[in-house]
């Protein structure tokens, strides 16, 4: 199910989210996994703004996951 949630309307998000899911998610701590899952509930424009550092989320756990996601940017 998470794999399908990583498929977004923006190719840039697809690449980053799917790479994270394949390469890090399984070995990530439970809190990080939960934060990643909650990020997937965001609309694409909001998630993209966070990933591109145009906006900063108020949720500290999201900040941590987003910094890890940036390592998977194309």
N, C-alpha and C. Protein backbone atom coordinates (compact mmCIF):
# COMPACT_ATOMS: atom_id res chain seq x y z
N UNK A 1 0.82 -1.20 0.00
CA UNK A 1 0.00 0.00 0.00
C UNK A 1 0.86 1.27 0.00
N UNK A 2 1.92 1.30 0.79
CA UNK A 2 2.79 2.47 0.81
C UNK A 2 3.38 2.75 -0.57
N UNK A 3 3.69 1.70 -1.28
CA UNK A 3 4.26 1.89 -2.62
C UNK A 3 3.32 2.70 -3.50
N UNK A 4 2.03 2.41 -3.41
CA UNK A 4 1.05 3.14 -4.21
C UNK A 4 0.88 4.56 -3.71
N UNK A 5 1.01 4.78 -2.41
CA UNK A 5 0.91 6.13 -1.88
C UNK A 5 2.11 6.98 -2.31
N UNK A 6 3.23 6.35 -2.64
CA UNK A 6 4.40 7.07 -3.11
C UNK A 6 4.27 7.49 -4.56
N UNK A 7 3.31 6.92 -5.25
CA UNK A 7 3.05 7.30 -6.64
C UNK A 7 2.19 8.55 -6.61
N UNK A 8 2.76 9.66 -7.03
CA UNK A 8 2.08 10.95 -6.92
C UNK A 8 1.78 11.52 -8.30
N UNK A 9 1.24 12.72 -8.30
CA UNK A 9 0.96 13.41 -9.55
C UNK A 9 2.17 14.16 -10.08
N UNK A 10 3.25 14.18 -9.32
CA UNK A 10 4.48 14.89 -9.72
C UNK A 10 5.60 13.87 -9.82
N UNK A 11 6.21 13.79 -10.96
CA UNK A 11 7.29 12.83 -11.18
C UNK A 11 8.42 13.00 -10.16
N UNK A 12 8.74 14.25 -9.82
CA UNK A 12 9.82 14.52 -8.86
C UNK A 12 9.54 13.87 -7.51
N UNK A 13 8.29 13.96 -7.08
CA UNK A 13 7.92 13.34 -5.81
C UNK A 13 7.95 11.81 -5.92
N UNK A 14 7.48 11.29 -7.04
CA UNK A 14 7.52 9.84 -7.26
C UNK A 14 8.92 9.30 -7.04
N UNK A 15 9.88 9.92 -7.67
CA UNK A 15 11.26 9.44 -7.62
C UNK A 15 11.79 9.47 -6.18
N UNK A 16 11.66 10.58 -5.52
CA UNK A 16 12.19 10.74 -4.17
C UNK A 16 11.51 9.79 -3.19
N UNK A 17 10.20 9.74 -3.22
CA UNK A 17 9.46 8.92 -2.27
C UNK A 17 9.70 7.42 -2.50
N UNK A 18 9.71 7.02 -3.76
CA UNK A 18 9.94 5.60 -4.05
C UNK A 18 11.36 5.17 -3.70
N UNK A 19 12.33 6.02 -3.96
CA UNK A 19 13.71 5.69 -3.58
C UNK A 19 13.85 5.54 -2.07
N UNK A 20 13.26 6.47 -1.33
CA UNK A 20 13.30 6.39 0.12
C UNK A 20 12.65 5.08 0.59
N UNK A 21 11.48 4.79 0.05
CA UNK A 21 10.76 3.58 0.44
C UNK A 21 11.60 2.33 0.18
N UNK A 22 12.25 2.26 -0.95
CA UNK A 22 13.04 1.08 -1.31
C UNK A 22 14.35 0.98 -0.52
N UNK A 23 14.99 2.12 -0.27
CA UNK A 23 16.34 2.08 0.26
C UNK A 23 16.45 2.34 1.76
N UNK A 24 15.46 2.99 2.37
CA UNK A 24 15.62 3.35 3.77
C UNK A 24 14.47 2.94 4.68
N UNK A 25 13.26 2.98 4.16
CA UNK A 25 12.08 2.81 5.01
C UNK A 25 12.17 1.58 5.91
N UNK A 26 12.48 0.43 5.37
CA UNK A 26 12.46 -0.82 6.15
C UNK A 26 13.43 -0.79 7.33
N UNK A 27 14.54 -0.08 7.19
CA UNK A 27 15.53 -0.04 8.27
C UNK A 27 15.39 1.20 9.16
N UNK A 28 14.47 2.07 8.83
CA UNK A 28 14.27 3.30 9.61
C UNK A 28 13.60 2.98 10.95
N UNK A 29 13.87 3.78 11.97
CA UNK A 29 13.17 3.60 13.25
C UNK A 29 11.65 3.78 13.06
N UNK A 30 10.89 3.18 13.93
CA UNK A 30 9.43 3.23 13.84
C UNK A 30 8.90 4.66 13.79
N UNK A 31 9.45 5.55 14.59
CA UNK A 31 8.99 6.95 14.59
C UNK A 31 9.20 7.59 13.23
N UNK A 32 10.32 7.29 12.59
CA UNK A 32 10.59 7.83 11.25
C UNK A 32 9.62 7.24 10.23
N UNK A 33 9.34 5.96 10.34
CA UNK A 33 8.39 5.33 9.43
C UNK A 33 7.02 5.98 9.55
N UNK A 34 6.59 6.22 10.79
CA UNK A 34 5.28 6.84 11.02
C UNK A 34 5.24 8.27 10.47
N UNK A 35 6.33 9.01 10.66
CA UNK A 35 6.39 10.38 10.13
C UNK A 35 6.34 10.37 8.61
N UNK A 36 7.05 9.43 7.99
CA UNK A 36 7.01 9.30 6.53
C UNK A 36 5.59 9.00 6.06
N UNK A 37 4.94 8.07 6.72
CA UNK A 37 3.57 7.70 6.36
C UNK A 37 2.63 8.90 6.48
N UNK A 38 2.80 9.71 7.51
CA UNK A 38 1.93 10.87 7.67
C UNK A 38 2.21 11.94 6.61
N UNK A 39 3.46 12.04 6.17
CA UNK A 39 3.79 12.97 5.08
C UNK A 39 3.06 12.59 3.79
N UNK A 40 2.84 11.31 3.60
CA UNK A 40 2.17 10.84 2.38
C UNK A 40 0.71 11.28 2.31
N UNK A 41 0.15 11.72 3.44
CA UNK A 41 -1.23 12.21 3.45
C UNK A 41 -1.34 13.66 2.97
N UNK A 42 -0.21 14.33 2.84
CA UNK A 42 -0.22 15.73 2.40
C UNK A 42 -0.51 15.84 0.91
N UNK A 43 -1.11 16.95 0.48
CA UNK A 43 -1.28 17.18 -0.95
C UNK A 43 0.09 17.39 -1.62
N UNK A 44 0.18 17.03 -2.87
CA UNK A 44 1.46 17.14 -3.60
C UNK A 44 2.11 18.51 -3.50
N UNK A 45 1.37 19.61 -3.73
CA UNK A 45 2.03 20.92 -3.67
C UNK A 45 2.65 21.22 -2.31
N UNK A 46 1.99 20.81 -1.24
CA UNK A 46 2.52 21.05 0.11
C UNK A 46 3.77 20.21 0.35
N UNK A 47 3.71 18.95 0.00
CA UNK A 47 4.85 18.06 0.18
C UNK A 47 6.04 18.54 -0.65
N UNK A 48 5.78 18.97 -1.86
CA UNK A 48 6.85 19.48 -2.73
C UNK A 48 7.47 20.75 -2.14
N UNK A 49 6.65 21.64 -1.61
CA UNK A 49 7.16 22.86 -0.98
C UNK A 49 8.06 22.53 0.20
N UNK A 50 7.69 21.55 0.99
CA UNK A 50 8.54 21.12 2.10
C UNK A 50 9.84 20.51 1.60
N UNK A 51 9.75 19.66 0.61
CA UNK A 51 10.92 18.98 0.10
C UNK A 51 11.92 19.96 -0.54
N UNK A 52 11.40 20.98 -1.20
CA UNK A 52 12.25 21.98 -1.85
C UNK A 52 12.68 23.09 -0.88
N UNK A 53 12.27 22.93 0.38
CA UNK A 53 12.62 23.88 1.45
C UNK A 53 12.06 25.29 1.19
N UNK A 54 10.94 25.34 0.50
CA UNK A 54 10.25 26.62 0.30
C UNK A 54 9.42 26.96 1.53
N UNK A 55 9.04 25.91 2.26
CA UNK A 55 8.30 26.05 3.50
C UNK A 55 8.88 25.08 4.52
N UNK A 56 8.69 25.40 5.79
CA UNK A 56 9.16 24.52 6.85
C UNK A 56 7.96 24.00 7.62
N UNK A 57 7.86 22.68 7.75
CA UNK A 57 6.72 22.13 8.49
C UNK A 57 6.83 22.41 9.98
N UNK A 58 5.69 22.49 10.63
CA UNK A 58 5.66 22.73 12.08
C UNK A 58 5.88 21.43 12.87
N UNK A 59 5.77 20.31 12.20
CA UNK A 59 5.93 19.01 12.86
C UNK A 59 7.41 18.62 12.84
N UNK A 60 8.07 18.57 14.00
CA UNK A 60 9.51 18.27 14.04
C UNK A 60 9.89 16.94 13.39
N UNK A 61 9.04 15.93 13.54
CA UNK A 61 9.34 14.62 12.94
C UNK A 61 9.37 14.71 11.41
N UNK A 62 8.55 15.57 10.85
CA UNK A 62 8.55 15.75 9.40
C UNK A 62 9.85 16.39 8.94
N UNK A 63 10.36 17.34 9.71
CA UNK A 63 11.63 18.00 9.36
C UNK A 63 12.74 16.96 9.24
N UNK A 64 12.78 16.05 10.19
CA UNK A 64 13.79 15.00 10.18
C UNK A 64 13.66 14.10 8.95
N UNK A 65 12.46 13.66 8.66
CA UNK A 65 12.24 12.79 7.50
C UNK A 65 12.54 13.53 6.20
N UNK A 66 12.13 14.77 6.12
CA UNK A 66 12.39 15.55 4.90
C UNK A 66 13.88 15.73 4.65
N UNK A 67 14.66 15.87 5.71
CA UNK A 67 16.11 15.97 5.52
C UNK A 67 16.66 14.66 4.97
N UNK A 68 16.10 13.55 5.37
CA UNK A 68 16.53 12.25 4.84
C UNK A 68 16.03 12.06 3.41
N UNK A 69 14.83 12.54 3.11
CA UNK A 69 14.30 12.44 1.76
C UNK A 69 15.16 13.22 0.76
N UNK A 70 15.72 14.32 1.20
CA UNK A 70 16.52 15.15 0.28
C UNK A 70 17.75 14.38 -0.23
N UNK A 71 18.18 13.36 0.50
CA UNK A 71 19.30 12.54 0.05
C UNK A 71 18.90 11.68 -1.15
N UNK A 72 17.62 11.55 -1.41
CA UNK A 72 17.14 10.71 -2.50
C UNK A 72 16.66 11.52 -3.70
N UNK A 73 16.95 12.82 -3.71
CA UNK A 73 16.55 13.67 -4.83
C UNK A 73 17.32 13.26 -6.08
N UNK A 74 16.65 13.34 -7.23
CA UNK A 74 17.31 12.97 -8.50
C UNK A 74 18.40 13.94 -8.89
